[in-house]
């Protein structure tokens, strides 16, 4: 999907359906990759392991 549709409500809805989805995000977005355990952080601060980047 396009970055235009990468909004919180829509992404939470898709996530609630337990679907895998991919979309580019703008670099000024705040994200939470901890499932609510940590505060939202700038997307540029995310770190990816080799396993994270491999297709499943």
C-alpha atoms as a PDB file:
ATOM      1  CA  UNK A   1       0.000   0.000   0.000  1.00  0.00           C
ATOM      2  CA  UNK A   2       1.077   3.571  -0.491  1.00  0.00           C
ATOM      3  CA  UNK A   3       2.458   5.817   2.276  1.00  0.00           C
ATOM      4  CA  UNK A   4      -0.769   7.831   2.060  1.00  0.00           C
ATOM      5  CA  UNK A   5      -2.656   4.940   3.714  1.00  0.00           C
ATOM      6  CA  UNK A   6      -0.076   4.319   6.451  1.00  0.00           C
ATOM      7  CA  UNK A   7      -2.154   5.906   9.200  1.00  0.00           C
ATOM      8  CA  UNK A   8      -2.497   4.657  12.749  1.00  0.00           C
ATOM      9  CA  UNK A   9      -6.166   3.572  12.645  1.00  0.00           C
ATOM     10  CA  UNK A  10      -5.857   1.642   9.396  1.00  0.00           C
ATOM     11  CA  UNK A  11      -2.631  -0.082  10.399  1.00  0.00           C
ATOM     12  CA  UNK A  12      -4.092  -1.090  13.776  1.00  0.00           C
ATOM     13  CA  UNK A  13      -7.153  -2.511  11.998  1.00  0.00           C
ATOM     14  CA  UNK A  14      -5.056  -4.572   9.589  1.00  0.00           C
ATOM     15  CA  UNK A  15      -2.932  -5.739  12.506  1.00  0.00           C
ATOM     16  CA  UNK A  16      -6.073  -6.825  14.404  1.00  0.00           C
ATOM     17  CA  UNK A  17      -6.888  -9.100  11.465  1.00  0.00           C
ATOM     18  CA  UNK A  18      -3.482 -10.754  12.008  1.00  0.00           C
ATOM     19  CA  UNK A  19      -2.469 -10.041   8.428  1.00  0.00           C
ATOM     20  CA  UNK A  20       1.035  -9.439   7.185  1.00  0.00           C
ATOM     21  CA  UNK A  21       1.328  -6.203   5.282  1.00  0.00           C
ATOM     22  CA  UNK A  22       4.068  -4.034   3.874  1.00  0.00           C
ATOM     23  CA  UNK A  23       4.073  -0.337   3.228  1.00  0.00           C
ATOM     24  CA  UNK A  24       6.704   2.365   3.059  1.00  0.00           C
ATOM     25  CA  UNK A  25       6.676   4.917   5.869  1.00  0.00           C
ATOM     26  CA  UNK A  26       7.764   8.512   5.742  1.00  0.00           C
ATOM     27  CA  UNK A  27      10.927   9.201   7.714  1.00  0.00           C
ATOM     28  CA  UNK A  28       9.166  11.697   9.992  1.00  0.00           C
ATOM     29  CA  UNK A  29       6.804   9.038  11.409  1.00  0.00           C
ATOM     30  CA  UNK A  30       6.843   7.802  14.997  1.00  0.00           C
ATOM     31  CA  UNK A  31       6.521   4.049  15.482  1.00  0.00           C
ATOM     32  CA  UNK A  32       6.195   1.471  18.245  1.00  0.00           C
ATOM     33  CA  UNK A  33       7.837  -1.865  17.512  1.00  0.00           C
ATOM     34  CA  UNK A  34       7.596  -3.026  21.136  1.00  0.00           C
ATOM     35  CA  UNK A  35       3.839  -3.755  21.213  1.00  0.00           C
ATOM     36  CA  UNK A  36       3.207  -0.993  23.761  1.00  0.00           C
ATOM     37  CA  UNK A  37       6.141  -1.704  26.081  1.00  0.00           C
ATOM     38  CA  UNK A  38       8.077   1.410  25.040  1.00  0.00           C
ATOM     39  CA  UNK A  39       7.202   4.915  23.874  1.00  0.00           C
ATOM     40  CA  UNK A  40       6.842   5.754  20.204  1.00  0.00           C
ATOM     41  CA  UNK A  41      10.166   6.608  18.583  1.00  0.00           C
ATOM     42  CA  UNK A  42      11.382   8.090  15.328  1.00  0.00           C
ATOM     43  CA  UNK A  43      11.390   5.544  12.515  1.00  0.00           C
ATOM     44  CA  UNK A  44      15.013   6.368  11.681  1.00  0.00           C
ATOM     45  CA  UNK A  45      16.092   5.028  15.093  1.00  0.00           C
ATOM     46  CA  UNK A  46      14.881   1.473  14.392  1.00  0.00           C
ATOM     47  CA  UNK A  47      17.516  -1.235  14.112  1.00  0.00           C
ATOM     48  CA  UNK A  48      17.005  -4.271  11.876  1.00  0.00           C
ATOM     49  CA  UNK A  49      18.715  -7.624  12.246  1.00  0.00           C
ATOM     50  CA  UNK A  50      19.514  -9.860   9.287  1.00  0.00           C
ATOM     51  CA  UNK A  51      16.626 -12.140  10.315  1.00  0.00           C
ATOM     52  CA  UNK A  52      14.223  -9.176  10.387  1.00  0.00           C
ATOM     53  CA  UNK A  53      15.109  -8.346   6.797  1.00  0.00           C
ATOM     54  CA  UNK A  54      14.691 -11.845   5.389  1.00  0.00           C
ATOM     55  CA  UNK A  55      11.440 -12.759   3.667  1.00  0.00           C
ATOM     56  CA  UNK A  56       9.388 -15.439   5.351  1.00  0.00           C
END
